[in-house]
Amino acid sequence: MFKAIALDLDGTLTNSEKKVSERNKKALQEAIKRGVSIILASGRPTYGMSEVWEALDLERLGGYVLSYNGSLCMDCKTKEVLFEKTIPWKYYAPIAQAVREADLGLLSYQGKEIVTERPEFPYMDRESTINKMPFRKVGDFPNALSEEVCKLLALGEHEDLIPLKERLEKEYGEELSIFFSEPFFLEICPVGVDKGESLKRLLEKKGWKREELMAFGDGGNDLTMLEYSGKGIAMANSQKHVLEIADEITLSNDEDGVAVMVEKYILNNT
């Protein structure tokens, strides 16, 4: 019997219009009624996930958010932060300089805003639209941040980001977690932070076993989550390497793939 369902958002729970379908919503809310906890796990900032947890009514029904790829864990009902890990200050200036030298974009999040030196840079608008967060253009990125952040995001064409990734891994690979969530998004997070590790930490707090966890994902930042869970399910629209490691493949995010599996393994089995 599954006690929890972990869900990536973009390309997984939400459709191409970034909405939660009625069938997905109904299936997950019915699972909650049967004692299953919902965990939203995304690379998005916490505020950028609010529309989804509100659509599922998790503030009332209860559930958990793993934002910034697991750097922060919050209880949806109480808004209590269960754990959080940030990037130390000393890395911001050299990373920002490396991104400038590569002529790429860099952003992070403060409150309800996206902070960046280059809001007009390609793919920036995508991040703003997904999270429904406006830009705050700044002259000096590191000095514009008022507190340590959970994630930095470098943006650009994949072939341009690869040398940056190699450079950052060479200089900070022991101290930071650096990976692609999309071909055009290079994520920089605190070391040891990923969706799988954060789920492990949450499950230990709750006293759940990994065999009792079902997880859904489609992207590179979902790999650890799918591998850790008792049943890791990839969407049909997943990246190739995600499809290869999944326990099972469901329909795409535009075909209610989440609901199909929740109905199969939880609603029709209890």
Protein backbone atom coordinates (compact mmCIF):
# COMPACT_ATOMS: atom_id res chain seq x y z
CA MET A 1 0.00 0.00 0.00
CA PHE A 2 1.36 3.40 -0.96
CA LYS A 3 1.37 6.08 1.74
CA ALA A 4 2.73 8.95 -0.36
CA ILE A 5 2.89 10.17 -3.95
CA ALA A 6 5.71 12.49 -5.04
CA LEU A 7 5.04 14.53 -8.16
CA ASP A 8 7.17 16.69 -10.38
CA LEU A 9 5.12 19.59 -11.78
CA ASP A 10 6.20 20.77 -15.24
CA GLY A 11 5.87 18.03 -17.83
CA THR A 12 4.39 15.68 -15.23
CA LEU A 13 1.46 16.81 -13.09
CA THR A 14 0.68 19.91 -15.15
CA ASN A 15 -0.23 19.79 -18.83
CA SER A 16 1.24 21.87 -21.65
CA GLU A 17 -0.86 24.81 -20.47
CA LYS A 18 0.74 24.50 -16.99
CA LYS A 19 -2.60 23.51 -15.47
CA VAL A 20 -3.67 20.53 -13.35
CA SER A 21 -6.35 18.64 -15.27
CA GLU A 22 -9.66 17.83 -13.63
CA ARG A 23 -8.94 14.10 -13.81
CA ASN A 24 -5.54 14.47 -12.14
CA LYS A 25 -7.03 16.70 -9.46
CA LYS A 26 -9.88 14.29 -8.76
CA ALA A 27 -7.58 11.25 -8.58
CA LEU A 28 -5.14 12.89 -6.19
CA GLN A 29 -7.83 14.30 -3.92
CA GLU A 30 -9.47 10.87 -3.76
CA ALA A 31 -6.09 9.37 -2.84
CA ILE A 32 -5.81 11.91 -0.01
CA LYS A 33 -9.20 10.80 1.29
CA ARG A 34 -7.80 7.28 1.42
CA GLY A 35 -4.87 8.35 3.58
CA VAL A 36 -2.23 9.00 0.94
CA SER A 37 -0.03 12.10 1.33
CA ILE A 38 0.79 14.27 -1.69
CA ILE A 39 4.31 15.67 -2.10
CA LEU A 40 4.91 18.25 -4.84
CA ALA A 41 8.59 18.12 -5.84
CA SER A 42 9.87 20.73 -8.28
CA GLY A 43 12.80 22.84 -9.30
CA ARG A 44 10.47 25.82 -9.03
CA PRO A 45 10.78 28.30 -6.16
CA THR A 46 8.25 27.87 -3.36
CA TYR A 47 6.07 30.79 -4.46
CA GLY A 48 6.11 29.50 -8.04
CA MET A 49 4.48 26.26 -6.85
CA SER A 50 1.60 27.95 -5.02
CA GLU A 51 -0.83 27.87 -7.94
CA VAL A 52 -0.53 24.07 -8.09
CA TRP A 53 -0.95 23.39 -4.39
CA GLU A 54 -3.92 25.77 -4.40
CA ALA A 55 -5.46 23.93 -7.38
CA LEU A 56 -5.25 20.68 -5.40
CA ASP A 57 -6.54 22.41 -2.23
CA LEU A 58 -3.54 21.18 -0.25
CA GLU A 59 -3.74 24.11 2.17
CA ARG A 60 -6.95 22.53 3.44
CA LEU A 61 -6.36 18.85 2.70
CA GLY A 62 -2.69 18.79 3.68
CA GLY A 63 0.43 17.89 1.77
CA TYR A 64 4.07 18.83 1.31
CA VAL A 65 6.18 20.93 -1.04
CA LEU A 66 9.78 20.22 -2.01
CA SER A 67 10.86 23.37 -3.83
CA TYR A 68 14.19 24.32 -5.43
CA ASN A 69 14.78 20.62 -6.29
CA GLY A 70 14.44 19.69 -2.64
CA SER A 71 16.46 22.48 -1.01
CA LEU A 72 13.36 23.48 0.96
CA CYS A 73 10.54 21.36 2.38
CA MET A 74 7.30 22.98 3.57
CA ASP A 75 4.04 21.72 5.07
CA CYS A 76 1.25 23.08 2.83
CA LYS A 77 -1.30 23.33 5.63
CA THR A 78 0.78 24.95 8.39
CA LYS A 79 3.40 26.63 6.11
CA GLU A 80 6.05 25.30 8.50
CA VAL A 81 9.45 24.89 6.84
CA LEU A 82 10.56 21.38 7.81
CA PHE A 83 14.08 21.79 6.44
CA GLU A 84 16.03 24.13 4.19
CA LYS A 85 19.52 24.30 2.72
CA THR A 86 20.99 27.37 1.01
CA ILE A 87 24.05 28.14 -1.13
CA PRO A 88 26.79 29.91 0.91
CA TRP A 89 27.50 33.55 0.02
CA LYS A 90 31.09 32.94 -1.10
CA TYR A 91 29.99 31.25 -4.34
CA TYR A 92 27.70 33.96 -5.73
CA ALA A 93 30.28 36.41 -7.11
CA PRO A 94 32.55 33.84 -8.85
CA ILE A 95 29.59 31.98 -10.35
CA ALA A 96 28.07 35.25 -11.60
CA GLN A 97 31.42 36.17 -13.16
CA ALA A 98 31.73 32.77 -14.86
CA VAL A 99 28.24 33.19 -16.33
CA ARG A 100 29.07 36.71 -17.58
CA GLU A 101 32.25 35.45 -19.24
CA ALA A 102 30.22 32.73 -20.97
CA ASP A 103 27.69 35.37 -22.10
CA LEU A 104 24.78 33.45 -20.54
CA GLY A 105 21.91 34.32 -18.22
CA LEU A 106 21.76 33.88 -14.44
CA LEU A 107 18.86 34.28 -12.04
CA SER A 108 17.63 33.50 -8.57
CA TYR A 109 14.57 34.26 -6.47
CA GLN A 110 13.81 36.70 -3.66
CA GLY A 111 10.30 36.63 -2.23
CA LYS A 112 7.91 36.90 -5.16
CA GLU A 113 10.49 38.23 -7.65
CA ILE A 114 13.08 36.81 -10.02
CA VAL A 115 16.40 38.64 -9.67
CA THR A 116 18.66 38.89 -12.75
CA GLU A 117 20.99 41.20 -14.62
CA ARG A 118 19.56 40.14 -18.00
CA PRO A 119 15.75 39.77 -17.98
CA GLU A 120 15.70 39.98 -21.80
CA PHE A 121 17.98 36.93 -22.18
CA PRO A 122 16.50 33.89 -24.00
CA TYR A 123 14.50 31.50 -21.79
CA MET A 124 14.15 34.09 -19.00
CA ASP A 125 10.54 34.74 -19.99
CA ARG A 126 9.83 31.01 -19.70
CA GLU A 127 10.90 30.96 -16.05
CA SER A 128 8.86 34.09 -15.30
CA THR A 129 5.75 32.66 -16.99
CA ILE A 130 5.97 29.24 -15.32
CA ASN A 131 6.29 30.73 -11.84
CA LYS A 132 4.13 33.82 -12.39
CA MET A 133 6.92 35.93 -10.91
CA PRO A 134 8.07 39.30 -12.32
CA PHE A 135 11.70 40.24 -12.94
CA ARG A 136 13.74 42.64 -10.86
CA LYS A 137 16.60 43.82 -13.08
CA VAL A 138 19.77 44.54 -11.13
CA GLY A 139 23.19 45.88 -12.01
CA ASP A 140 25.25 43.55 -9.83
CA PHE A 141 23.59 40.19 -9.24
CA PRO A 142 25.49 38.96 -6.15
CA ASN A 143 25.12 42.25 -4.26
CA ALA A 144 21.42 42.50 -5.13
CA LEU A 145 20.53 39.39 -3.11
CA SER A 146 19.44 40.22 0.42
CA GLU A 147 19.79 36.69 1.77
CA GLU A 148 21.27 33.33 0.86
CA VAL A 149 19.26 31.49 -1.79
CA CYS A 150 18.36 27.84 -2.32
CA LYS A 151 19.14 27.81 -6.03
CA LEU A 152 20.91 29.63 -8.85
CA LEU A 153 19.81 29.03 -12.42
CA ALA A 154 21.99 29.58 -15.49
CA LEU A 155 20.16 29.82 -18.82
CA GLY A 156 21.11 29.53 -22.47
CA GLU A 157 21.51 27.13 -25.36
CA HIS A 158 22.55 23.65 -24.28
CA GLU A 159 25.80 23.64 -26.24
CA ASP A 160 26.78 26.93 -24.56
CA LEU A 161 25.87 25.71 -21.08
CA ILE A 162 27.96 22.52 -21.31
CA PRO A 163 31.35 24.33 -21.01
CA LEU A 164 29.96 26.37 -18.10
CA LYS A 165 28.81 23.18 -16.37
CA GLU A 166 32.25 21.62 -16.85
CA ARG A 167 33.96 24.73 -15.47
CA LEU A 168 31.71 24.98 -12.42
CA GLU A 169 32.01 21.25 -11.71
CA LYS A 170 35.80 21.48 -11.89
CA GLU A 171 35.89 24.42 -9.48
CA TYR A 172 32.96 23.64 -7.17
CA GLY A 173 31.88 20.06 -7.90
CA GLU A 174 32.73 18.93 -4.36
CA GLU A 175 30.75 21.78 -2.81
CA LEU A 176 27.74 22.35 -5.08
CA SER A 177 25.24 20.21 -6.99
CA ILE A 178 25.25 21.21 -10.68
CA PHE A 179 22.91 19.57 -13.19
CA PHE A 180 20.53 20.13 -16.11
CA SER A 181 16.80 20.14 -15.37
CA GLU A 182 16.12 21.11 -19.00
CA PRO A 183 18.60 21.38 -21.87
CA PHE A 184 18.46 25.17 -21.46
CA PHE A 185 18.37 25.28 -17.61
CA LEU A 186 21.55 24.57 -15.61
CA GLU A 187 20.65 24.27 -11.93
CA ILE A 188 23.12 25.11 -9.17
CA CYS A 189 22.06 23.91 -5.72
CA PRO A 190 23.64 23.15 -2.34
CA VAL A 191 25.71 19.97 -2.33
CA GLY A 192 23.77 16.84 -1.45
CA VAL A 193 20.47 18.38 -2.49
CA ASP A 194 18.28 16.58 -4.97
CA LYS A 195 14.71 15.33 -5.00
CA GLY A 196 15.69 11.82 -3.96
CA GLU A 197 17.71 12.91 -0.92
CA SER A 198 15.03 15.34 0.20
CA LEU A 199 12.31 12.71 -0.14
CA LYS A 200 14.44 10.35 1.94
CA ARG A 201 14.70 13.02 4.64
CA LEU A 202 10.95 13.71 4.60
CA LEU A 203 10.06 10.01 4.68
CA GLU A 204 12.34 9.50 7.68
CA LYS A 205 10.56 12.35 9.47
CA LYS A 206 7.18 10.80 8.70
CA GLY A 207 8.17 7.21 9.42
CA TRP A 208 7.33 6.02 5.90
CA LYS A 209 9.28 3.40 3.96
CA ARG A 210 10.57 4.05 0.45
CA GLU A 211 8.52 1.05 -0.73
CA GLU A 212 5.44 3.05 0.29
CA LEU A 213 6.35 5.94 -2.03
CA MET A 214 5.17 6.32 -5.63
CA ALA A 215 6.89 9.02 -7.70
CA PHE A 216 6.22 10.62 -11.09
CA GLY A 217 8.67 12.59 -13.23
CA ASP A 218 9.89 13.43 -16.72
CA GLY A 219 13.19 15.31 -16.46
CA GLY A 220 16.81 14.93 -15.42
CA ASN A 221 16.16 16.39 -11.98
CA ASP A 222 13.60 13.61 -11.37
CA LEU A 223 16.05 10.73 -11.75
CA THR A 224 17.02 10.44 -8.08
CA MET A 225 13.38 10.67 -7.02
CA LEU A 226 12.27 7.90 -9.36
CA GLU A 227 15.21 5.70 -8.39
CA TYR A 228 14.59 6.19 -4.66
CA SER A 229 10.85 5.54 -4.68
CA GLY A 230 9.19 2.15 -4.39
CA LYS A 231 7.61 2.73 -7.79
CA GLY A 232 9.18 5.29 -10.09
CA ILE A 233 6.88 6.20 -12.97
CA ALA A 234 8.03 8.15 -16.03
CA MET A 235 5.69 10.14 -18.22
CA ALA A 236 5.54 9.16 -21.90
CA ASN A 237 6.96 12.60 -22.71
CA SER A 238 10.02 12.05 -20.48
CA GLN A 239 13.62 12.55 -21.51
CA LYS A 240 15.20 9.33 -22.81
CA HIS A 241 17.38 8.61 -19.76
CA VAL A 242 14.34 8.98 -17.49
CA LEU A 243 12.38 6.44 -19.53
CA GLU A 244 15.29 4.02 -19.24
CA ILE A 245 15.42 3.95 -15.41
CA ALA A 246 11.67 4.04 -14.67
CA ASP A 247 9.83 1.08 -13.17
CA GLU A 248 6.89 1.89 -15.39
CA ILE A 249 5.87 4.36 -18.09
CA THR A 250 2.49 6.07 -18.09
CA LEU A 251 0.72 8.31 -20.60
CA SER A 252 1.96 11.84 -21.22
CA ASN A 253 1.28 14.90 -19.09
CA ASP A 254 -1.36 15.95 -21.64
CA GLU A 255 -3.13 12.59 -21.32
CA ASP A 256 -3.63 12.51 -17.52
CA GLY A 257 -0.75 10.08 -17.08
CA VAL A 258 -0.64 10.73 -13.33
CA ALA A 259 -4.32 9.93 -12.83
CA VAL A 260 -4.03 6.73 -14.87
CA MET A 261 -1.48 5.26 -12.44
CA VAL A 262 -3.07 6.63 -9.27
CA GLU A 263 -6.34 5.02 -10.32
CA LYS A 264 -4.59 1.75 -11.18
CA TYR A 265 -2.50 1.30 -8.05
CA ILE A 266 -4.39 3.21 -5.35
CA LEU A 267 -8.02 3.94 -6.18
CA ASN A 268 -8.78 0.56 -7.73
CA ASN A 269 -6.79 -1.39 -5.14
CA THR A 270 -8.29 -0.10 -1.89
